[in-house]
Amino acid sequence: MPFEITLDDESTERVDGADSYSLEGPLTTFYGNDRPRPLDSWSVKVASYRTERITRIRRLPG
């Protein structure tokens, strides 16, 4: 399921292939995999953004 991230400069980024995200210190990291459970030990990092730059995260329809 894709996510749309709006950054503080009003630009938007689309993250495809992610099914969850998590805060990791100064970064917000998006994870994905082909398994039915989101965010487990087999998850793969898809993208990371500096948390301080993110103003909105929106999950987009499938």
N, C-alpha and C. Protein backbone atom coordinates (compact mmCIF):
# COMPACT_ATOMS: atom_id res chain seq x y z
N MET A 1 0.85 -1.17 0.00
CA MET A 1 0.00 0.00 0.00
C MET A 1 0.90 1.24 0.00
N PRO A 2 0.68 2.18 -0.88
CA PRO A 2 1.55 3.35 -0.96
C PRO A 2 1.25 4.40 0.12
N PHE A 3 2.25 5.20 0.42
CA PHE A 3 2.11 6.33 1.33
C PHE A 3 2.49 7.59 0.57
N GLU A 4 1.88 8.70 0.96
CA GLU A 4 2.26 10.01 0.44
C GLU A 4 2.79 10.83 1.60
N ILE A 5 4.00 11.34 1.47
CA ILE A 5 4.64 12.11 2.51
C ILE A 5 4.74 13.56 2.04
N THR A 6 4.26 14.48 2.87
CA THR A 6 4.41 15.90 2.58
C THR A 6 5.53 16.44 3.47
N LEU A 7 6.48 17.11 2.84
CA LEU A 7 7.63 17.65 3.56
C LEU A 7 7.45 19.13 3.85
N ASP A 8 8.30 19.67 4.72
CA ASP A 8 8.15 21.06 5.17
C ASP A 8 8.34 22.09 4.07
N ASP A 9 8.92 21.72 2.94
CA ASP A 9 9.02 22.64 1.81
C ASP A 9 7.82 22.50 0.86
N GLU A 10 6.78 21.80 1.32
CA GLU A 10 5.51 21.57 0.61
C GLU A 10 5.64 20.62 -0.57
N SER A 11 6.77 19.97 -0.72
CA SER A 11 6.90 18.94 -1.76
C SER A 11 6.29 17.65 -1.23
N THR A 12 5.91 16.78 -2.14
CA THR A 12 5.36 15.49 -1.74
C THR A 12 6.19 14.36 -2.35
N GLU A 13 6.27 13.29 -1.62
CA GLU A 13 6.97 12.08 -2.06
C GLU A 13 6.00 10.92 -1.94
N ARG A 14 6.06 10.01 -2.87
CA ARG A 14 5.23 8.80 -2.81
C ARG A 14 6.14 7.62 -2.53
N VAL A 15 5.76 6.81 -1.55
CA VAL A 15 6.53 5.62 -1.19
C VAL A 15 5.68 4.41 -1.56
N ASP A 16 6.09 3.70 -2.60
CA ASP A 16 5.39 2.49 -3.02
C ASP A 16 6.06 1.27 -2.39
N GLY A 17 5.27 0.24 -2.13
CA GLY A 17 5.81 -1.00 -1.61
C GLY A 17 5.97 -1.04 -0.11
N ALA A 18 5.53 -0.01 0.58
CA ALA A 18 5.63 0.01 2.05
C ALA A 18 4.28 -0.36 2.65
N ASP A 19 4.31 -1.10 3.76
CA ASP A 19 3.06 -1.42 4.44
C ASP A 19 3.04 -0.89 5.88
N SER A 20 4.15 -0.27 6.32
CA SER A 20 4.19 0.32 7.65
C SER A 20 5.37 1.27 7.74
N TYR A 21 5.40 2.04 8.83
CA TYR A 21 6.54 2.92 9.07
C TYR A 21 6.79 3.00 10.56
N SER A 22 8.00 3.43 10.91
CA SER A 22 8.40 3.49 12.31
C SER A 22 9.41 4.62 12.49
N LEU A 23 9.40 5.22 13.68
CA LEU A 23 10.39 6.24 14.01
C LEU A 23 11.67 5.54 14.46
N GLU A 24 12.78 5.97 13.91
CA GLU A 24 14.10 5.42 14.27
C GLU A 24 15.02 6.59 14.55
N GLY A 25 15.01 7.10 15.77
CA GLY A 25 15.84 8.26 16.09
C GLY A 25 15.38 9.45 15.27
N PRO A 26 16.28 10.08 14.51
CA PRO A 26 15.90 11.26 13.73
C PRO A 26 15.20 10.94 12.41
N LEU A 27 15.02 9.65 12.09
CA LEU A 27 14.43 9.26 10.82
C LEU A 27 13.08 8.58 11.00
N THR A 28 12.21 8.74 10.03
CA THR A 28 11.01 7.93 9.90
C THR A 28 11.27 6.99 8.74
N THR A 29 11.24 5.69 9.02
CA THR A 29 11.58 4.68 8.02
C THR A 29 10.35 3.89 7.62
N PHE A 30 10.19 3.69 6.33
CA PHE A 30 9.07 2.93 5.77
C PHE A 30 9.55 1.53 5.43
N TYR A 31 8.74 0.53 5.78
CA TYR A 31 9.10 -0.87 5.60
C TYR A 31 8.07 -1.57 4.75
N GLY A 32 8.51 -2.60 4.04
CA GLY A 32 7.60 -3.42 3.26
C GLY A 32 8.16 -4.82 3.10
N ASN A 33 7.29 -5.74 2.76
CA ASN A 33 7.66 -7.11 2.42
C ASN A 33 6.45 -7.80 1.83
N ASP A 34 6.59 -9.04 1.46
CA ASP A 34 5.48 -9.78 0.87
C ASP A 34 4.75 -10.62 1.90
N ARG A 35 5.10 -10.46 3.15
CA ARG A 35 4.46 -11.24 4.21
C ARG A 35 3.17 -10.55 4.65
N PRO A 36 2.22 -11.31 5.19
CA PRO A 36 0.94 -10.72 5.58
C PRO A 36 1.01 -9.81 6.81
N ARG A 37 2.05 -9.96 7.65
CA ARG A 37 2.15 -9.13 8.85
C ARG A 37 3.03 -7.92 8.58
N PRO A 38 2.57 -6.73 8.95
CA PRO A 38 3.45 -5.57 8.79
C PRO A 38 4.52 -5.53 9.88
N LEU A 39 5.66 -5.02 9.54
CA LEU A 39 6.78 -4.76 10.45
C LEU A 39 7.14 -5.93 11.35
N ASP A 40 7.83 -6.89 10.76
CA ASP A 40 8.39 -7.99 11.55
C ASP A 40 9.87 -8.11 11.21
N SER A 41 10.51 -9.13 11.69
CA SER A 41 11.96 -9.26 11.49
C SER A 41 12.37 -9.44 10.03
N TRP A 42 11.43 -9.76 9.16
CA TRP A 42 11.73 -9.95 7.74
C TRP A 42 11.41 -8.71 6.90
N SER A 43 10.98 -7.64 7.55
CA SER A 43 10.66 -6.42 6.82
C SER A 43 11.90 -5.82 6.17
N VAL A 44 11.69 -5.17 5.04
CA VAL A 44 12.76 -4.56 4.27
C VAL A 44 12.57 -3.05 4.28
N LYS A 45 13.66 -2.30 4.51
CA LYS A 45 13.56 -0.84 4.46
C LYS A 45 13.30 -0.41 3.02
N VAL A 46 12.28 0.44 2.86
CA VAL A 46 11.92 0.94 1.53
C VAL A 46 12.41 2.37 1.35
N ALA A 47 12.24 3.22 2.40
CA ALA A 47 12.66 4.62 2.31
C ALA A 47 12.77 5.19 3.72
N SER A 48 13.58 6.23 3.86
CA SER A 48 13.71 6.95 5.13
C SER A 48 13.71 8.45 4.86
N TYR A 49 13.11 9.20 5.78
CA TYR A 49 13.06 10.66 5.71
C TYR A 49 13.36 11.22 7.08
N ARG A 50 13.95 12.39 7.13
CA ARG A 50 14.19 13.05 8.41
C ARG A 50 12.84 13.42 8.99
N THR A 51 12.57 12.98 10.21
CA THR A 51 11.28 13.19 10.85
C THR A 51 10.95 14.67 10.97
N GLU A 52 11.93 15.50 11.26
CA GLU A 52 11.70 16.93 11.43
C GLU A 52 11.20 17.60 10.15
N ARG A 53 11.42 16.99 9.00
CA ARG A 53 10.98 17.57 7.72
C ARG A 53 9.58 17.13 7.31
N ILE A 54 9.03 16.10 7.96
CA ILE A 54 7.72 15.56 7.58
C ILE A 54 6.61 16.36 8.25
N THR A 55 5.66 16.83 7.43
CA THR A 55 4.50 17.53 7.99
C THR A 55 3.24 16.67 7.93
N ARG A 56 3.22 15.67 7.03
CA ARG A 56 2.05 14.80 6.93
C ARG A 56 2.43 13.48 6.27
N ILE A 57 1.83 12.40 6.80
CA ILE A 57 1.95 11.09 6.18
C ILE A 57 0.53 10.62 5.92
N ARG A 58 0.26 10.23 4.69
CA ARG A 58 -1.08 9.78 4.33
C ARG A 58 -0.98 8.45 3.59
N ARG A 59 -1.77 7.47 4.05
CA ARG A 59 -1.83 6.18 3.35
C ARG A 59 -2.78 6.32 2.19
N LEU A 60 -2.33 5.93 1.00
CA LEU A 60 -3.15 6.02 -0.19
C LEU A 60 -3.86 4.70 -0.44
N PRO A 61 -4.99 4.72 -1.13
CA PRO A 61 -5.68 3.47 -1.44
C PRO A 61 -4.83 2.59 -2.35
N GLY A 62 -4.89 1.29 -2.10
CA GLY A 62 -4.16 0.25 -2.78
C GLY A 62 -3.66 0.53 -4.12
